[in-house]
Amino acid sequence: MEKQPINHEDRNVPQPIRSDGAGAIDAGPRNVMRDIQNPNIVVPPVTDEGMIPNLRFSFSDAPMKLNHGGWSREITVRQLPISTAIAGVNMSLTAGGVRELHWHKQAEWAYMLLGRARITAVDQEGRNFIADIGPGDLWYFPAGVPHSIQGLEHCEFLLVFDDGNFSEFSTLTISDWLAHTPKDVLSANFGVPENAFHSLPSEQVYIYQGNVPGSVASEDVQSPYGKVPLTFKYELLNQTPIQTPGGSVRIVDSSNFPISKNIAAALVQIEPGAMRELHWHPNSDEWQYYLTGQGRMTVFTGNGTARTFDYRAGDVGYVPSNAGHYIQNTGTETLWFLEMFKSDRYEDVSLNQWMALTPKELVQSNLNAGTVMLDSLRKKKVPVVKYPGT
């Protein structure tokens, strides 16, 4: 193989050399664009130590399933093996595009990224639901509830399922079921001749191009059993956020979205120079989806083990239950991300608050901490922090 020239002086190419001189130039084959996006992988902080499984996967590395009417891609345990609790799907529909009538063995939680869509559902008591979803809105369908999604305009959304082994491409769909049911059985079930089913699809439709529907009022079907008692829709951006000097947090779980029994979540905003404070979650693993900006997260799992990862829009992050971590905005624009949990309630423990509510002498003797640190501790939780001059 012919030797290729390598420019060791190119300052735009990151090199695995720490400021203290540790490391050496990487002169071999490499994906420079990946290295530029992952500075804390190329040059880990000196505090990183030990082995932690991969905690990041990008939807940009997930293969697309393309259909007339839209596309989808997924991140499950097959792509991110540590993500045993939650799987995610990124889906887009055209105006009129339909994610066909279907249901799942898992609960479905969703966040609308852009555009508008219409959702329909019917529960086990025959009570139905129809609503339009806009940017920042959520929906939640319990396991086994049949539903559909249709684009009112070009739209894109995130789907989250409470099982890392889930796959969007093995869901239970109406077209697939009917295609694999004998025509005489369909005739007996619906009470019409077999020839009434000759035009049915011969295989699963999944996503197809339809017509943009009319208003909700024009499409609404009156059920003799009424509407579902708990709404499947939640307008997250209409919630008053927890506002801090460094950003904001909106929390949604079964306390304010009662139908959402299996997924709790938070929408976090971190301004440049700010960070999601050092904390952990005692009740569930954390599955993250990064919406805008870029940041880094160090995850501490005990016994001297910690590892730092870089994230940007479209990436998924994962944190094992009870692992200490922070998320720091490393860019020049606002960092927005979602954090999801397989739980009915959102719970976190603040390192700062814990220390502040513990006898000062005990903290001092444990850490050999000085008065500057001890006097700065806060008894009230501040999820996103930013201090002048830091």
Protein backbone atom coordinates (compact mmCIF):
# COMPACT_ATOMS: atom_id res chain seq x y z
CA MET A 1 0.00 0.00 0.00
CA GLU A 2 1.37 3.41 -0.96
CA LYS A 3 2.24 5.62 2.02
CA GLN A 4 -0.05 8.62 2.42
CA PRO A 5 1.27 12.00 3.50
CA ILE A 6 0.18 13.06 7.01
CA ASN A 7 0.22 16.66 8.17
CA HIS A 8 1.20 16.57 11.84
CA GLU A 9 0.98 20.37 12.02
CA ASP A 10 -2.73 20.68 11.12
CA ARG A 11 -4.16 22.46 14.15
CA ASN A 12 -7.71 21.52 13.16
CA VAL A 13 -6.94 17.84 13.73
CA PRO A 14 -7.25 16.93 17.43
CA GLN A 15 -4.41 14.87 18.86
CA PRO A 16 -4.50 12.55 21.90
CA ILE A 17 -2.12 14.71 23.91
CA ARG A 18 -3.10 16.13 27.28
CA SER A 19 -1.90 19.54 28.45
CA ASP A 20 0.52 17.87 30.88
CA GLY A 21 2.24 16.16 27.92
CA ALA A 22 0.69 12.71 28.34
CA GLY A 23 -0.12 10.97 25.06
CA ALA A 24 1.29 11.17 21.55
CA ILE A 25 0.34 12.11 18.01
CA ASP A 26 -2.10 9.78 16.26
CA ALA A 27 -0.56 9.44 12.78
CA GLY A 28 -2.53 6.40 11.66
CA PRO A 29 -5.85 5.98 9.86
CA ARG A 30 -8.63 7.76 11.72
CA ASN A 31 -12.04 9.37 11.38
CA VAL A 32 -11.08 12.98 12.04
CA MET A 33 -14.65 14.27 11.98
CA ARG A 34 -15.59 11.84 14.74
CA ASP A 35 -12.56 12.86 16.77
CA ILE A 36 -13.49 16.54 16.43
CA GLN A 37 -16.96 15.75 17.79
CA ASN A 38 -15.58 13.71 20.70
CA PRO A 39 -12.80 15.72 22.36
CA ASN A 40 -13.34 14.02 25.73
CA ILE A 41 -12.88 10.60 24.14
CA VAL A 42 -9.68 11.64 22.34
CA VAL A 43 -8.31 13.37 25.44
CA PRO A 44 -10.20 12.10 28.49
CA PRO A 45 -10.16 14.23 31.63
CA VAL A 46 -7.41 13.16 34.02
CA THR A 47 -10.19 12.19 36.45
CA ASP A 48 -11.51 9.47 34.11
CA GLU A 49 -10.56 5.99 35.27
CA GLY A 50 -11.65 2.38 34.80
CA MET A 51 -14.03 0.75 32.34
CA ILE A 52 -17.63 1.82 31.77
CA PRO A 53 -19.69 0.48 28.84
CA ASN A 54 -20.51 2.81 25.98
CA LEU A 55 -23.14 5.34 27.09
CA ARG A 56 -23.77 7.11 23.78
CA PHE A 57 -25.23 6.27 20.39
CA SER A 58 -26.34 8.67 17.69
CA PHE A 59 -29.48 8.35 15.61
CA SER A 60 -27.20 9.39 12.72
CA ASP A 61 -25.66 5.91 12.99
CA ALA A 62 -29.03 4.12 13.02
CA PRO A 63 -30.26 2.78 9.66
CA MET A 64 -33.36 4.39 8.18
CA LYS A 65 -36.50 2.51 7.20
CA LEU A 66 -37.94 4.47 4.27
CA ASN A 67 -41.60 4.31 3.20
CA HIS A 68 -43.90 6.39 1.05
CA GLY A 69 -45.29 8.69 3.71
CA GLY A 70 -42.33 8.81 6.08
CA TRP A 71 -39.32 7.15 7.69
CA SER A 72 -38.16 5.74 11.00
CA ARG A 73 -35.01 4.60 12.80
CA GLU A 74 -34.43 3.15 16.25
CA ILE A 75 -31.94 2.80 19.09
CA THR A 76 -32.44 -0.31 21.22
CA VAL A 77 -30.19 -2.76 23.11
CA ARG A 78 -29.02 -3.94 19.69
CA GLN A 79 -27.39 -0.55 19.07
CA LEU A 80 -26.72 0.52 22.70
CA PRO A 81 -26.35 -2.69 24.74
CA ILE A 82 -26.49 -1.02 28.15
CA SER A 83 -29.93 0.43 27.38
CA THR A 84 -31.95 -2.44 28.82
CA ALA A 85 -34.72 -0.32 30.34
CA ILE A 86 -35.71 1.92 27.42
CA ALA A 87 -35.66 1.94 23.61
CA GLY A 88 -36.22 4.92 21.35
CA VAL A 89 -37.53 5.55 17.84
CA ASN A 90 -37.12 8.67 15.71
CA MET A 91 -39.91 8.95 13.14
CA SER A 92 -41.02 11.44 10.50
CA LEU A 93 -44.29 11.61 8.57
CA THR A 94 -45.24 13.66 5.53
CA ALA A 95 -48.42 15.74 5.39
CA GLY A 96 -51.03 12.96 5.27
CA GLY A 97 -48.45 10.23 6.01
CA VAL A 98 -49.83 7.56 8.35
CA ARG A 99 -48.18 5.27 10.88
CA GLU A 100 -50.81 2.62 10.44
CA LEU A 101 -53.23 1.30 13.06
CA HIS A 102 -51.13 -0.74 15.49
CA TRP A 103 -50.39 -1.59 19.09
CA HIS A 104 -47.42 -2.58 21.25
CA LYS A 105 -46.61 -4.93 24.09
CA GLN A 106 -44.84 -1.93 25.65
CA ALA A 107 -46.06 1.50 26.73
CA GLU A 108 -45.36 4.32 24.24
CA TRP A 109 -44.30 7.84 25.33
CA ALA A 110 -43.71 10.45 22.64
CA TYR A 111 -42.42 14.00 22.19
CA MET A 112 -43.24 16.07 19.11
CA LEU A 113 -40.05 17.63 17.73
CA LEU A 114 -41.50 19.65 14.85
CA GLY A 115 -44.70 19.96 12.84
CA ARG A 116 -48.15 18.69 13.76
CA ALA A 117 -49.79 15.27 13.78
CA ARG A 118 -53.08 13.66 14.76
CA ILE A 119 -53.29 10.70 17.10
CA THR A 120 -56.21 8.32 17.63
CA ALA A 121 -56.68 5.51 20.16
CA VAL A 122 -59.30 3.19 21.65
CA ASP A 123 -58.89 1.63 25.09
CA GLN A 124 -59.97 -1.83 26.30
CA GLU A 125 -63.34 -0.46 27.43
CA GLY A 126 -64.19 0.86 23.96
CA ARG A 127 -63.59 4.50 24.95
CA ASN A 128 -61.86 6.47 22.21
CA PHE A 129 -59.54 9.44 21.87
CA ILE A 130 -58.52 11.83 19.10
CA ALA A 131 -56.26 14.89 19.35
CA ASP A 132 -53.85 17.05 17.40
CA ILE A 133 -50.24 17.24 18.60
CA GLY A 134 -47.88 20.18 18.09
CA PRO A 135 -44.21 20.92 18.87
CA GLY A 136 -43.36 20.24 22.51
CA ASP A 137 -46.50 18.17 23.11
CA LEU A 138 -46.40 14.65 24.53
CA TRP A 139 -48.58 11.60 24.15
CA TYR A 140 -48.68 8.33 26.05
CA PHE A 141 -50.37 5.06 25.15
CA PRO A 142 -50.43 2.25 27.72
CA ALA A 143 -49.29 -1.18 26.54
CA GLY A 144 -51.88 -2.89 24.36
CA VAL A 145 -53.86 0.26 23.48
CA PRO A 146 -54.38 0.38 19.68
CA HIS A 147 -53.57 3.72 18.08
CA SER A 148 -52.47 5.61 14.97
CA ILE A 149 -50.40 8.67 14.07
CA GLN A 150 -50.95 10.84 10.99
CA GLY A 151 -49.04 13.89 9.83
CA LEU A 152 -51.11 17.06 9.42
CA GLU A 153 -47.97 18.59 7.91
CA HIS A 154 -44.39 17.39 7.72
CA CYS A 155 -43.61 16.34 11.28
CA GLU A 156 -40.95 14.54 13.29
CA PHE A 157 -41.16 13.01 16.75
CA LEU A 158 -39.40 10.85 19.31
CA LEU A 159 -41.02 7.63 20.55
CA VAL A 160 -39.85 6.05 23.81
CA PHE A 161 -40.72 2.51 24.97
CA ASP A 162 -40.30 0.98 28.42
CA ASP A 163 -38.25 -2.00 27.24
CA GLY A 164 -34.75 -1.85 25.75
CA ASN A 165 -35.46 -4.99 23.71
CA PHE A 166 -38.34 -3.30 21.89
CA SER A 167 -38.18 -2.98 18.11
CA GLU A 168 -40.41 -0.67 16.10
CA PHE A 169 -40.10 -3.08 13.19
CA SER A 170 -41.79 -5.95 15.03
CA THR A 171 -44.90 -4.22 16.32
CA LEU A 172 -48.44 -5.57 15.98
CA THR A 173 -50.17 -3.91 13.02
CA ILE A 174 -53.68 -4.26 11.64
CA SER A 175 -52.56 -4.87 8.05
CA ASP A 176 -50.10 -7.58 9.07
CA TRP A 177 -52.67 -9.40 11.20
CA LEU A 178 -55.39 -9.38 8.56
CA ALA A 179 -52.92 -10.45 5.86
CA HIS A 180 -52.16 -13.55 7.94
CA THR A 181 -55.75 -14.47 8.82
CA PRO A 182 -57.71 -16.84 6.51
CA LYS A 183 -60.40 -15.08 4.48
CA ASP A 184 -63.10 -17.44 5.72
CA VAL A 185 -62.21 -16.50 9.30
CA LEU A 186 -62.42 -12.79 8.43
CA SER A 187 -65.80 -13.45 6.80
CA ALA A 188 -67.07 -15.19 9.93
CA ASN A 189 -65.73 -12.43 12.18
CA PHE A 190 -67.13 -9.43 10.29
CA GLY A 191 -70.23 -11.07 8.81
CA VAL A 192 -69.52 -10.17 5.19
CA PRO A 193 -68.58 -12.32 2.13
CA GLU A 194 -64.98 -13.39 1.63
CA ASN A 195 -64.67 -11.28 -1.52
CA ALA A 196 -64.99 -8.17 0.66
CA PHE A 197 -61.41 -8.79 1.78
CA HIS A 198 -59.77 -9.29 -1.63
CA SER A 199 -58.41 -5.73 -1.70
CA LEU A 200 -56.68 -5.92 1.69
CA PRO A 201 -52.88 -5.55 1.72
CA SER A 202 -51.00 -8.84 1.37
CA GLU A 203 -48.29 -7.72 3.80
CA GLN A 204 -47.64 -5.17 6.54
CA VAL A 205 -48.16 -1.56 5.45
CA TYR A 206 -46.31 0.10 8.39
CA ILE A 207 -46.21 3.68 7.01
CA TYR A 208 -48.18 4.86 3.98
CA GLN A 209 -49.12 8.08 2.21
CA GLY A 210 -52.69 9.19 2.90
CA ASN A 211 -54.67 12.40 2.61
CA VAL A 212 -54.47 15.17 5.18
CA PRO A 213 -57.54 14.73 7.39
CA GLY A 214 -60.10 17.40 8.20
CA SER A 215 -60.61 18.96 11.62
CA VAL A 216 -60.83 16.89 14.78
CA ALA A 217 -64.54 17.71 14.97
CA SER A 218 -65.14 16.36 11.46
CA GLU A 219 -63.17 13.16 12.20
CA ASP A 220 -64.46 12.46 15.70
CA VAL A 221 -66.27 9.15 16.16
CA GLN A 222 -68.80 9.03 19.01
CA SER A 223 -68.33 5.94 21.14
CA PRO A 224 -71.31 4.58 23.11
CA TYR A 225 -68.84 4.20 25.99
CA GLY A 226 -67.57 7.79 25.84
CA LYS A 227 -64.06 9.22 25.83
CA VAL A 228 -61.02 7.85 27.68
CA PRO A 229 -61.13 9.06 31.31
CA LEU A 230 -57.46 10.12 31.33
CA THR A 231 -56.15 12.14 28.39
CA PHE A 232 -53.35 10.65 26.29
CA LYS A 233 -51.96 14.15 25.52
CA TYR A 234 -49.88 16.58 27.57
CA GLU A 235 -48.70 20.07 26.52
CA LEU A 236 -45.26 20.16 28.14
CA LEU A 237 -44.21 23.61 26.93
CA ASN A 238 -47.27 25.14 28.62
CA GLN A 239 -45.94 23.96 31.98
CA THR A 240 -44.28 26.63 34.13
CA PRO A 241 -40.63 25.54 34.34
CA ILE A 242 -38.31 25.41 37.33
CA GLN A 243 -36.23 28.46 36.40
CA THR A 244 -32.61 28.81 37.55
CA PRO A 245 -29.79 31.24 36.66
CA GLY A 246 -28.31 28.61 34.32
CA GLY A 247 -31.43 27.28 32.60
CA SER A 248 -34.72 25.55 33.30
CA VAL A 249 -36.34 22.17 33.92
CA ARG A 250 -39.85 20.91 33.17
CA ILE A 251 -40.81 17.63 34.84
CA VAL A 252 -43.64 15.36 33.69
CA ASP A 253 -44.71 12.12 35.35
CA SER A 254 -47.88 10.49 36.67
CA SER A 255 -48.35 13.33 39.18
CA ASN A 256 -49.22 15.82 36.41
CA PHE A 257 -49.82 13.45 33.44
CA PRO A 258 -51.76 10.68 35.23
CA ILE A 259 -51.95 8.20 32.32
CA SER A 260 -48.13 8.05 32.11
CA LYS A 261 -47.65 5.18 34.56
CA ASN A 262 -44.44 3.74 33.11
CA ILE A 263 -42.43 6.73 31.86
CA ALA A 264 -41.33 9.86 33.72
CA ALA A 265 -39.35 12.60 32.02
CA ALA A 266 -37.78 16.04 32.22
CA LEU A 267 -37.06 18.64 29.56
CA VAL A 268 -33.82 20.38 30.51
CA GLN A 269 -32.43 23.68 29.20
CA ILE A 270 -28.77 24.53 29.92
CA GLU A 271 -27.35 27.91 28.92
CA PRO A 272 -23.76 28.28 27.66
CA GLY A 273 -21.39 28.09 30.62
CA ALA A 274 -23.97 26.31 32.79
CA MET A 275 -24.42 22.67 33.83
CA ARG A 276 -26.96 20.19 35.14
CA GLU A 277 -25.65 19.83 38.66
CA LEU A 278 -23.96 16.73 40.10
CA HIS A 279 -26.77 14.31 40.96
CA TRP A 280 -28.14 10.79 40.58
CA HIS A 281 -31.48 9.05 40.12
CA PRO A 282 -32.36 6.45 42.77
CA ASN A 283 -35.33 4.80 41.06
CA SER A 284 -34.38 4.14 37.43
CA ASP A 285 -31.79 4.21 34.67
CA GLU A 286 -31.81 7.45 32.65
CA TRP A 287 -32.25 7.55 28.86
CA GLN A 288 -31.40 10.89 27.25
CA TYR A 289 -32.16 12.49 23.91
CA TYR A 290 -30.26 15.62 22.91
CA LEU A 291 -32.33 18.21 21.04
CA THR A 292 -29.98 21.15 20.43
CA GLY A 293 -26.46 22.26 21.26
CA GLN A 294 -23.57 20.19 22.55
CA GLY A 295 -22.36 19.05 25.94
CA ARG A 296 -20.37 16.55 27.91
CA MET A 297 -21.31 14.15 30.68
CA THR A 298 -19.10 12.28 33.12
CA VAL A 299 -20.67 9.21 34.73
CA PHE A 300 -19.31 7.87 38.04
CA THR A 301 -20.18 4.26 38.95
CA GLY A 302 -18.11 3.81 42.11
CA ASN A 303 -14.80 2.14 43.01
CA GLY A 304 -12.81 4.86 41.27
CA THR A 305 -14.58 4.37 37.93
CA ALA A 306 -15.68 7.35 35.80
CA ARG A 307 -15.89 8.07 32.09
CA THR A 308 -16.69 11.18 30.05
CA PHE A 309 -18.73 11.31 26.83
CA ASP A 310 -19.54 14.11 24.38
CA TYR A 311 -23.09 14.66 23.09
CA ARG A 312 -24.77 16.79 20.46
CA ALA A 313 -28.19 17.09 18.82
CA GLY A 314 -29.58 13.70 17.75
CA ASP A 315 -27.51 11.69 20.23
CA VAL A 316 -28.85 9.33 22.86
CA GLY A 317 -27.18 9.08 26.26
CA TYR A 318 -27.64 6.55 29.03
CA VAL A 319 -26.90 6.59 32.77
CA PRO A 320 -27.29 3.50 34.99
CA SER A 321 -29.49 3.90 38.05
CA ASN A 322 -27.74 5.59 41.00
CA ALA A 323 -24.64 6.50 38.96
CA GLY A 324 -23.46 10.02 39.75
CA HIS A 325 -23.28 12.39 36.78
CA TYR A 326 -23.56 15.94 35.45
CA ILE A 327 -24.28 17.43 32.01
CA GLN A 328 -22.27 20.51 31.04
CA ASN A 329 -22.94 22.81 28.10
CA THR A 330 -19.67 22.92 26.15
CA GLY A 331 -20.97 24.96 23.22
CA THR A 332 -22.02 28.51 22.40
CA GLU A 333 -25.76 27.84 22.05
CA THR A 334 -28.38 26.64 24.48
CA LEU A 335 -28.31 22.90 25.18
CA TRP A 336 -31.74 21.25 25.33
CA PHE A 337 -32.23 17.59 26.13
CA LEU A 338 -34.84 15.15 27.38
CA GLU A 339 -34.17 12.71 30.19
CA MET A 340 -36.54 9.71 30.48
CA PHE A 341 -37.04 7.08 33.16
CA LYS A 342 -38.88 3.78 33.35
CA SER A 343 -40.90 4.88 36.36
CA ASP A 344 -44.17 6.57 37.29
CA ARG A 345 -42.29 9.30 39.20
CA TYR A 346 -39.32 11.55 38.52
CA GLU A 347 -36.72 11.36 41.30
CA ASP A 348 -33.22 12.79 41.68
CA VAL A 349 -30.76 13.37 44.51
CA SER A 350 -28.67 16.55 44.51
CA LEU A 351 -25.09 16.17 45.74
CA ASN A 352 -25.02 19.82 46.84
CA GLN A 353 -28.30 19.59 48.76
CA TRP A 354 -27.28 16.31 50.44
CA MET A 355 -24.07 17.89 51.69
CA ALA A 356 -25.88 21.06 52.83
CA LEU A 357 -28.40 19.08 54.88
CA THR A 358 -25.72 16.93 56.56
CA PRO A 359 -23.96 18.22 59.71
CA LYS A 360 -21.18 20.55 58.57
CA GLU A 361 -18.58 19.01 60.86
CA LEU A 362 -19.25 15.58 59.38
CA VAL A 363 -18.84 16.83 55.81
CA GLN A 364 -15.68 18.71 56.78
CA SER A 365 -14.08 15.70 58.44
CA ASN A 366 -15.08 13.34 55.61
CA LEU A 367 -13.72 15.52 52.79
CA ASN A 368 -11.22 17.73 54.60
CA ALA A 369 -13.24 20.55 53.07
CA GLY A 370 -12.51 24.20 53.73
CA THR A 371 -14.96 26.89 54.81
CA VAL A 372 -15.26 28.35 51.27
CA MET A 373 -16.76 25.13 49.99
CA LEU A 374 -18.86 24.42 53.08
CA ASP A 375 -20.35 27.93 53.20
CA SER A 376 -21.38 27.70 49.52
CA LEU A 377 -23.63 24.66 49.98
CA ARG A 378 -27.34 25.07 49.20
CA LYS A 379 -30.20 23.55 51.18
CA LYS A 380 -32.58 24.01 48.25
CA LYS A 381 -32.12 22.02 45.05
CA VAL A 382 -30.97 23.97 41.97
CA PRO A 383 -31.06 21.56 39.00
CA VAL A 384 -29.11 23.78 36.57
CA VAL A 385 -26.26 25.89 37.95
CA LYS A 386 -24.18 28.76 36.64
CA TYR A 387 -21.89 30.93 38.73
CA PRO A 388 -20.24 34.22 37.70
CA GLY A 389 -16.57 33.78 36.93
CA THR A 390 -16.64 29.97 36.78
